[in-house]
Amino acid sequence: MAHSSKAMVLEETKKLAHRIIHVPKGGFLFREQENAAEFYIVKSGLIQISKLTENGKELTLRCLSAEACCGELTLFAIEPKYLFNAKALEDSEIYAVKIERIETMILSSNPEFVREFMVMINEHMRKQHTKFRDLVLNGKKGALYSTLIRMANSYGVEVEDGILIDLKLKNQELANYCGTSRERVNRMLNELAQEGIISLPSRQIIIHDLDRLKLLNHCEDCPVSVCVID
């Protein structure tokens, strides 16, 4: 979707907001299985979308910064409930739009909004699908490699010898993206560092060979708009 089209959808949706919510760092915007009444767009801050697995581990699915949205899977559902947890990784402000207002907008005579909104939702579904695919088909290493690739696309900054992931994450938080333990992520990161694919200066990650990382992950060359962390 063209950036201008997505921007149009977001701006029109913001106009429907009935409040702006402040979520302090560590607080929850919503939790899974809570009754869903609102759709959200991040105004500022950082929101983590996660799911608890059957064994109680946290699996991080998305990390949302300004202009990203969540709660879209509750639209047009019967007695909707949130499917995931949304936690603030830093102080955040969120536009909240009542679900029925968006549903009314979609059903109204505004075909351009409807089309672009559905394109945006489809893009979110593709992102979700590819993340689950990497986790299920490629195991823990594939989950880590794909997470690093997505983070490079979303938060990568070109430096002299590679791509710096400009996002402060503890190894436990990185492990949550992969559905595994911090210790296992540490080992996998060290293995990549020993092969010269990445380096780990001062608790940061620099990717030196992104093509090699993609090859190890059997990358299908998804569009960058899909291969992101939000």
C-alpha atoms as a PDB file:
ATOM      1  CA  MET A   1       0.000   0.000   0.000  1.00  0.00           C
ATOM      2  CA  ALA A   2       1.249   3.427  -0.850  1.00  0.00           C
ATOM      3  CA  HIS A   3       2.365   5.453   2.119  1.00  0.00           C
ATOM      4  CA  SER A   4      -0.076   8.264   1.261  1.00  0.00           C
ATOM      5  CA  SER A   5      -3.024   5.823   1.268  1.00  0.00           C
ATOM      6  CA  LYS A   6      -2.073   4.383   4.626  1.00  0.00           C
ATOM      7  CA  ALA A   7      -1.567   7.880   6.015  1.00  0.00           C
ATOM      8  CA  MET A   8      -5.042   8.808   4.793  1.00  0.00           C
ATOM      9  CA  VAL A   9      -6.606   5.839   6.586  1.00  0.00           C
ATOM     10  CA  LEU A  10      -4.776   6.613   9.804  1.00  0.00           C
ATOM     11  CA  GLU A  11      -5.710  10.297   9.727  1.00  0.00           C
ATOM     12  CA  GLU A  12      -9.357   9.524   9.046  1.00  0.00           C
ATOM     13  CA  THR A  13      -9.381   6.930  11.822  1.00  0.00           C
ATOM     14  CA  LYS A  14      -7.774   9.321  14.310  1.00  0.00           C
ATOM     15  CA  LYS A  15     -10.650  11.734  13.681  1.00  0.00           C
ATOM     16  CA  LEU A  16     -12.985   9.053  15.044  1.00  0.00           C
ATOM     17  CA  ALA A  17     -11.039   8.783  18.323  1.00  0.00           C
ATOM     18  CA  HIS A  18     -13.092   9.558  21.412  1.00  0.00           C
ATOM     19  CA  ARG A  19     -10.122   9.733  23.805  1.00  0.00           C
ATOM     20  CA  ILE A  20      -6.338   9.597  24.086  1.00  0.00           C
ATOM     21  CA  ILE A  21      -5.021   7.117  26.636  1.00  0.00           C
ATOM     22  CA  HIS A  22      -1.768   7.511  28.569  1.00  0.00           C
ATOM     23  CA  VAL A  23      -0.185   4.130  29.303  1.00  0.00           C
ATOM     24  CA  PRO A  24       2.834   4.282  31.623  1.00  0.00           C
ATOM     25  CA  LYS A  25       5.867   2.082  31.016  1.00  0.00           C
ATOM     26  CA  GLY A  26       5.013  -1.457  32.136  1.00  0.00           C
ATOM     27  CA  GLY A  27       1.272  -0.807  32.027  1.00  0.00           C
ATOM     28  CA  PHE A  28      -1.197  -2.650  29.820  1.00  0.00           C
ATOM     29  CA  LEU A  29      -3.345  -1.114  27.119  1.00  0.00           C
ATOM     30  CA  PHE A  30      -5.343  -4.346  27.100  1.00  0.00           C
ATOM     31  CA  ARG A  31      -4.964  -8.005  28.032  1.00  0.00           C
ATOM     32  CA  GLU A  32      -5.995 -11.089  26.113  1.00  0.00           C
ATOM     33  CA  GLN A  33      -9.552 -12.293  26.721  1.00  0.00           C
ATOM     34  CA  GLU A  34     -10.711  -8.884  27.934  1.00  0.00           C
ATOM     35  CA  ASN A  35     -13.870  -7.645  26.258  1.00  0.00           C
ATOM     36  CA  ALA A  36     -12.882  -5.590  23.219  1.00  0.00           C
ATOM     37  CA  ALA A  37     -14.501  -2.215  22.757  1.00  0.00           C
ATOM     38  CA  GLU A  38     -11.801  -0.116  21.089  1.00  0.00           C
ATOM     39  CA  PHE A  39      -9.367  -0.014  18.189  1.00  0.00           C
ATOM     40  CA  TYR A  40      -6.048   1.751  18.841  1.00  0.00           C
ATOM     41  CA  ILE A  41      -3.430   3.823  17.017  1.00  0.00           C
ATOM     42  CA  VAL A  42      -0.138   4.625  18.738  1.00  0.00           C
ATOM     43  CA  LYS A  43       0.374   8.387  19.067  1.00  0.00           C
ATOM     44  CA  SER A  44       3.771   8.105  20.788  1.00  0.00           C
ATOM     45  CA  GLY A  45       5.762   5.532  22.711  1.00  0.00           C
ATOM     46  CA  LEU A  46       6.279   1.801  22.204  1.00  0.00           C
ATOM     47  CA  ILE A  47       3.692  -0.964  22.626  1.00  0.00           C
ATOM     48  CA  GLN A  48       4.516  -4.682  22.742  1.00  0.00           C
ATOM     49  CA  ILE A  49       1.921  -7.141  21.437  1.00  0.00           C
ATOM     50  CA  SER A  50       2.353 -10.597  22.941  1.00  0.00           C
ATOM     51  CA  LYS A  51       0.637 -13.905  23.605  1.00  0.00           C
ATOM     52  CA  LEU A  52       1.016 -16.299  26.513  1.00  0.00           C
ATOM     53  CA  THR A  53       1.697 -19.869  25.403  1.00  0.00           C
ATOM     54  CA  GLU A  54       0.178 -22.917  27.064  1.00  0.00           C
ATOM     55  CA  ASN A  55       3.278 -23.375  29.230  1.00  0.00           C
ATOM     56  CA  GLY A  56       3.112 -19.772  30.415  1.00  0.00           C
ATOM     57  CA  LYS A  57       5.892 -18.348  28.234  1.00  0.00           C
ATOM     58  CA  GLU A  58       5.475 -14.960  26.638  1.00  0.00           C
ATOM     59  CA  LEU A  59       5.685 -14.855  22.845  1.00  0.00           C
ATOM     60  CA  THR A  60       6.164 -11.342  21.477  1.00  0.00           C
ATOM     61  CA  LEU A  61       4.511 -10.802  18.107  1.00  0.00           C
ATOM     62  CA  ARG A  62       4.851  -7.102  17.335  1.00  0.00           C
ATOM     63  CA  CYS A  63       6.464  -3.949  18.670  1.00  0.00           C
ATOM     64  CA  LEU A  64       4.438  -0.870  17.775  1.00  0.00           C
ATOM     65  CA  SER A  65       5.733   2.671  17.516  1.00  0.00           C
ATOM     66  CA  ALA A  66       3.983   5.867  16.382  1.00  0.00           C
ATOM     67  CA  GLU A  67       1.313   5.439  13.660  1.00  0.00           C
ATOM     68  CA  ALA A  68       1.003   1.661  14.183  1.00  0.00           C
ATOM     69  CA  CYS A  69      -2.370   0.221  15.133  1.00  0.00           C
ATOM     70  CA  CYS A  70      -3.735  -2.741  17.062  1.00  0.00           C
ATOM     71  CA  GLY A  71      -7.044  -4.273  18.025  1.00  0.00           C
ATOM     72  CA  GLU A  72      -7.984  -4.756  14.371  1.00  0.00           C
ATOM     73  CA  LEU A  73      -8.874  -8.452  14.779  1.00  0.00           C
ATOM     74  CA  THR A  74     -11.872  -7.551  16.928  1.00  0.00           C
ATOM     75  CA  LEU A  75     -13.732  -5.773  14.111  1.00  0.00           C
ATOM     76  CA  PHE A  76     -17.045  -7.327  13.060  1.00  0.00           C
ATOM     77  CA  ALA A  77     -16.670 -10.095  15.653  1.00  0.00           C
ATOM     78  CA  ILE A  78     -19.520 -11.387  17.815  1.00  0.00           C
ATOM     79  CA  GLU A  79     -18.849 -10.501  21.468  1.00  0.00           C
ATOM     80  CA  PRO A  80     -15.229  -9.592  20.587  1.00  0.00           C
ATOM     81  CA  LYS A  81     -12.360 -10.189  22.969  1.00  0.00           C
ATOM     82  CA  TYR A  82      -8.740  -9.136  22.604  1.00  0.00           C
ATOM     83  CA  LEU A  83      -6.610 -12.042  21.395  1.00  0.00           C
ATOM     84  CA  PHE A  84      -3.284 -10.675  22.658  1.00  0.00           C
ATOM     85  CA  ASN A  85      -1.697  -8.568  25.396  1.00  0.00           C
ATOM     86  CA  ALA A  86      -0.612  -4.996  24.702  1.00  0.00           C
ATOM     87  CA  LYS A  87       2.011  -3.676  27.137  1.00  0.00           C
ATOM     88  CA  ALA A  88       3.840  -0.345  27.081  1.00  0.00           C
ATOM     89  CA  LEU A  89       7.628  -0.704  26.858  1.00  0.00           C
ATOM     90  CA  GLU A  90       7.893   3.037  27.486  1.00  0.00           C
ATOM     91  CA  ASP A  91       5.451   5.792  28.412  1.00  0.00           C
ATOM     92  CA  SER A  92       2.938   5.863  25.564  1.00  0.00           C
ATOM     93  CA  GLU A  93      -0.057   7.810  24.306  1.00  0.00           C
ATOM     94  CA  ILE A  94      -2.734   6.026  22.306  1.00  0.00           C
ATOM     95  CA  TYR A  95      -5.672   7.125  20.180  1.00  0.00           C
ATOM     96  CA  ALA A  96      -8.715   5.030  21.157  1.00  0.00           C
ATOM     97  CA  VAL A  97     -11.574   4.604  18.698  1.00  0.00           C
ATOM     98  CA  LYS A  98     -14.771   2.784  19.567  1.00  0.00           C
ATOM     99  CA  ILE A  99     -15.088  -0.311  17.407  1.00  0.00           C
ATOM    100  CA  GLU A 100     -18.638   0.480  16.376  1.00  0.00           C
ATOM    101  CA  ARG A 101     -17.501   3.855  14.977  1.00  0.00           C
ATOM    102  CA  ILE A 102     -15.004   2.144  12.659  1.00  0.00           C
ATOM    103  CA  GLU A 103     -17.541  -0.499  11.653  1.00  0.00           C
ATOM    104  CA  THR A 104     -20.010   2.258  10.814  1.00  0.00           C
ATOM    105  CA  MET A 105     -17.335   4.064   8.789  1.00  0.00           C
ATOM    106  CA  ILE A 106     -16.532   0.870   6.872  1.00  0.00           C
ATOM    107  CA  LEU A 107     -20.201   0.249   6.119  1.00  0.00           C
ATOM    108  CA  SER A 108     -20.813   3.839   5.075  1.00  0.00           C
ATOM    109  CA  SER A 109     -20.514   5.219   1.552  1.00  0.00           C
ATOM    110  CA  ASN A 110     -16.760   5.833   1.717  1.00  0.00           C
ATOM    111  CA  PRO A 111     -15.271   3.281  -0.700  1.00  0.00           C
ATOM    112  CA  GLU A 112     -11.758   4.735  -0.692  1.00  0.00           C
ATOM    113  CA  PHE A 113     -11.494   4.493   3.088  1.00  0.00           C
ATOM    114  CA  VAL A 114     -12.958   0.965   3.062  1.00  0.00           C
ATOM    115  CA  ARG A 115     -10.522  -0.263   0.420  1.00  0.00           C
ATOM    116  CA  GLU A 116      -7.425   1.194   2.046  1.00  0.00           C
ATOM    117  CA  PHE A 117      -8.487   0.120   5.525  1.00  0.00           C
ATOM    118  CA  MET A 118      -8.909  -3.469   4.320  1.00  0.00           C
ATOM    119  CA  VAL A 119      -5.533  -3.332   2.555  1.00  0.00           C
ATOM    120  CA  MET A 120      -3.968  -2.199   5.842  1.00  0.00           C
ATOM    121  CA  ILE A 121      -5.655  -5.021   7.793  1.00  0.00           C
ATOM    122  CA  ASN A 122      -4.557  -7.558   5.174  1.00  0.00           C
ATOM    123  CA  GLU A 123      -0.978  -6.317   5.517  1.00  0.00           C
ATOM    124  CA  HIS A 124      -1.148  -6.841   9.273  1.00  0.00           C
ATOM    125  CA  MET A 125      -2.449 -10.375   8.736  1.00  0.00           C
ATOM    126  CA  ARG A 126       0.432 -11.137   6.351  1.00  0.00           C
ATOM    127  CA  LYS A 127       2.937  -9.896   8.939  1.00  0.00           C
ATOM    128  CA  GLN A 128       1.372 -12.123  11.585  1.00  0.00           C
ATOM    129  CA  HIS A 129       1.304 -15.125   9.258  1.00  0.00           C
ATOM    130  CA  THR A 130       4.958 -14.840   8.258  1.00  0.00           C
ATOM    131  CA  LYS A 131       6.056 -14.569  11.901  1.00  0.00           C
ATOM    132  CA  PHE A 132       4.171 -17.721  12.863  1.00  0.00           C
ATOM    133  CA  ARG A 133       5.533 -19.435   9.732  1.00  0.00           C
ATOM    134  CA  ASP A 134       9.130 -18.647  10.717  1.00  0.00           C
ATOM    135  CA  LEU A 135       8.581 -19.869  14.269  1.00  0.00           C
ATOM    136  CA  VAL A 136       6.822 -23.099  13.288  1.00  0.00           C
ATOM    137  CA  LEU A 137       8.796 -24.096  10.187  1.00  0.00           C
ATOM    138  CA  ASN A 138      12.289 -22.863  11.012  1.00  0.00           C
ATOM    139  CA  GLY A 139      12.472 -23.493  14.756  1.00  0.00           C
ATOM    140  CA  LYS A 140      14.079 -21.286  17.380  1.00  0.00           C
ATOM    141  CA  LYS A 141      17.018 -20.287  15.202  1.00  0.00           C
ATOM    142  CA  GLY A 142      14.693 -19.295  12.389  1.00  0.00           C
ATOM    143  CA  ALA A 143      12.608 -17.284  14.830  1.00  0.00           C
ATOM    144  CA  LEU A 144      15.712 -15.419  16.007  1.00  0.00           C
ATOM    145  CA  TYR A 145      17.085 -14.852  12.512  1.00  0.00           C
ATOM    146  CA  SER A 146      13.751 -13.559  11.212  1.00  0.00           C
ATOM    147  CA  THR A 147      13.391 -11.299  14.262  1.00  0.00           C
ATOM    148  CA  LEU A 148      16.823  -9.793  13.634  1.00  0.00           C
ATOM    149  CA  ILE A 149      15.966  -9.254   9.957  1.00  0.00           C
ATOM    150  CA  ARG A 150      12.672  -7.576  10.872  1.00  0.00           C
ATOM    151  CA  MET A 151      14.366  -5.393  13.475  1.00  0.00           C
ATOM    152  CA  ALA A 152      16.967  -4.364  10.907  1.00  0.00           C
ATOM    153  CA  ASN A 153      14.171  -3.340   8.530  1.00  0.00           C
ATOM    154  CA  SER A 154      12.278  -1.466  11.257  1.00  0.00           C
ATOM    155  CA  TYR A 155      15.029   0.025  13.415  1.00  0.00           C
ATOM    156  CA  GLY A 156      18.209  -0.482  11.397  1.00  0.00           C
ATOM    157  CA  VAL A 157      20.709   2.350  11.108  1.00  0.00           C
ATOM    158  CA  GLU A 158      23.541   2.043   8.607  1.00  0.00           C
ATOM    159  CA  VAL A 159      26.961   2.230  10.260  1.00  0.00           C
ATOM    160  CA  GLU A 160      30.447   1.798   8.837  1.00  0.00           C
ATOM    161  CA  ASP A 161      30.539  -2.003   9.056  1.00  0.00           C
ATOM    162  CA  GLY A 162      26.902  -3.013   8.932  1.00  0.00           C
ATOM    163  CA  ILE A 163      23.423  -2.273  10.258  1.00  0.00           C
ATOM    164  CA  LEU A 164      22.949  -1.229  13.881  1.00  0.00           C
ATOM    165  CA  ILE A 165      19.612  -2.240  15.402  1.00  0.00           C
ATOM    166  CA  ASP A 166      18.690   0.985  17.129  1.00  0.00           C
ATOM    167  CA  LEU A 167      16.294  -0.521  19.658  1.00  0.00           C
ATOM    168  CA  LYS A 168      17.076  -1.105  23.315  1.00  0.00           C
ATOM    169  CA  LEU A 169      16.064  -4.661  24.106  1.00  0.00           C
ATOM    170  CA  LYS A 170      17.203  -6.982  26.858  1.00  0.00           C
ATOM    171  CA  ASN A 171      18.017 -10.524  25.763  1.00  0.00           C
ATOM    172  CA  GLN A 172      14.933 -11.758  27.627  1.00  0.00           C
ATOM    173  CA  GLU A 173      12.782  -9.422  25.562  1.00  0.00           C
ATOM    174  CA  LEU A 174      14.472 -10.685  22.404  1.00  0.00           C
ATOM    175  CA  ALA A 175      13.849 -14.251  23.596  1.00  0.00           C
ATOM    176  CA  ASN A 176      10.152 -13.461  23.898  1.00  0.00           C
ATOM    177  CA  TYR A 177      10.041 -12.796  20.156  1.00  0.00           C
ATOM    178  CA  CYS A 178      11.363 -16.309  19.589  1.00  0.00           C
ATOM    179  CA  GLY A 179       9.320 -18.213  22.157  1.00  0.00           C
ATOM    180  CA  THR A 180      12.453 -19.482  23.893  1.00  0.00           C
ATOM    181  CA  SER A 181      14.698 -18.826  26.879  1.00  0.00           C
ATOM    182  CA  ARG A 182      17.154 -15.986  27.397  1.00  0.00           C
ATOM    183  CA  GLU A 183      19.993 -18.522  27.773  1.00  0.00           C
ATOM    184  CA  ARG A 184      19.248 -20.093  24.402  1.00  0.00           C
ATOM    185  CA  VAL A 185      19.083 -16.699  22.711  1.00  0.00           C
ATOM    186  CA  ASN A 186      22.448 -15.818  24.280  1.00  0.00           C
ATOM    187  CA  ARG A 187      23.980 -18.984  22.807  1.00  0.00           C
ATOM    188  CA  MET A 188      22.513 -18.357  19.349  1.00  0.00           C
ATOM    189  CA  LEU A 189      23.660 -14.720  19.348  1.00  0.00           C
ATOM    190  CA  ASN A 190      27.165 -15.800  20.354  1.00  0.00           C
ATOM    191  CA  GLU A 191      27.220 -18.392  17.561  1.00  0.00           C
ATOM    192  CA  LEU A 192      26.291 -15.695  15.017  1.00  0.00           C
ATOM    193  CA  ALA A 193      28.976 -13.422  16.471  1.00  0.00           C
ATOM    194  CA  GLN A 194      31.616 -16.172  16.195  1.00  0.00           C
ATOM    195  CA  GLU A 195      30.711 -16.582  12.503  1.00  0.00           C
ATOM    196  CA  GLY A 196      31.109 -12.836  11.973  1.00  0.00           C
ATOM    197  CA  ILE A 197      27.472 -12.383  10.951  1.00  0.00           C
ATOM    198  CA  ILE A 198      26.777 -10.035  13.842  1.00  0.00           C
ATOM    199  CA  SER A 199      28.657  -8.338  16.666  1.00  0.00           C
ATOM    200  CA  LEU A 200      27.425  -7.390  20.120  1.00  0.00           C
ATOM    201  CA  PRO A 201      29.119  -4.169  21.274  1.00  0.00           C
ATOM    202  CA  SER A 202      27.848  -2.726  24.558  1.00  0.00           C
ATOM    203  CA  ARG A 203      24.625  -4.769  24.537  1.00  0.00           C
ATOM    204  CA  GLN A 204      23.787  -3.606  21.048  1.00  0.00           C
ATOM    205  CA  ILE A 205      23.470  -5.693  17.894  1.00  0.00           C
ATOM    206  CA  ILE A 206      25.198  -4.858  14.625  1.00  0.00           C
ATOM    207  CA  ILE A 207      24.400  -7.073  11.638  1.00  0.00           C
ATOM    208  CA  HIS A 208      27.448  -7.362   9.361  1.00  0.00           C
ATOM    209  CA  ASP A 209      26.064  -9.869   6.850  1.00  0.00           C
ATOM    210  CA  LEU A 210      22.311  -9.477   6.375  1.00  0.00           C
ATOM    211  CA  ASP A 211      22.325 -11.589   3.204  1.00  0.00           C
ATOM    212  CA  ARG A 212      23.875 -14.511   5.084  1.00  0.00           C
ATOM    213  CA  LEU A 213      21.247 -14.170   7.808  1.00  0.00           C
ATOM    214  CA  LYS A 214      18.500 -14.276   5.169  1.00  0.00           C
ATOM    215  CA  LEU A 215      20.082 -17.342   3.567  1.00  0.00           C
ATOM    216  CA  LEU A 216      20.216 -19.166   6.904  1.00  0.00           C
ATOM    217  CA  ASN A 217      16.550 -18.360   7.425  1.00  0.00           C
ATOM    218  CA  HIS A 218      15.492 -19.550   3.945  1.00  0.00           C
ATOM    219  CA  CYS A 219      14.153 -16.035   3.386  1.00  0.00           C
ATOM    220  CA  GLU A 220      11.359 -15.787   0.818  1.00  0.00           C
ATOM    221  CA  ASP A 221      12.155 -12.141   0.011  1.00  0.00           C
ATOM    222  CA  CYS A 222       8.892 -10.794   1.394  1.00  0.00           C
ATOM    223  CA  PRO A 223       8.305  -7.079   0.771  1.00  0.00           C
ATOM    224  CA  VAL A 224       9.957  -4.889   3.400  1.00  0.00           C
ATOM    225  CA  SER A 225       6.486  -3.568   4.305  1.00  0.00           C
ATOM    226  CA  VAL A 226       5.670  -7.091   5.532  1.00  0.00           C
ATOM    227  CA  CYS A 227       9.081  -8.024   6.946  1.00  0.00           C
ATOM    228  CA  VAL A 228       9.014  -5.579   9.852  1.00  0.00           C
ATOM    229  CA  ILE A 229       8.586  -5.839  13.589  1.00  0.00           C
ATOM    230  CA  ASP A 230       5.424  -3.713  13.959  1.00  0.00           C
END
